Amino acid sequence: MELYLLAGILVLMVITGIGALFVDDLLAAIIMFSAFSFFAVLLYLTLGAPDVAFTEAVVGVVSTTFFIIALNGLRRRCSKR
């Protein structure tokens, strides 16, 4: 059972990782990156490493927040022209 769970999480990570690379919208890429980070947290928890999962969760939230702030700044700067 655990093997199937790990395989499912890994498949979801691969799908979201490839999806983040090939999506055209930057906001959608950020959301896909956030989903990838979430699946990484699930993988680490399944493997029994809650400390690594917590670190990944914090890094995922902080980096997603920075990416959205940067995207907002890019859109604001582009709309002034």
Foldseek 3Di string as FASTA:
>chain_A
DLVVVLVVLVVLLVVLVVVLVPDDDPLSSLVSLLVNLVSVLVNCVSVPNNVVSVVSNVVSVVVSVVSVVVVVVVVVVVVVD
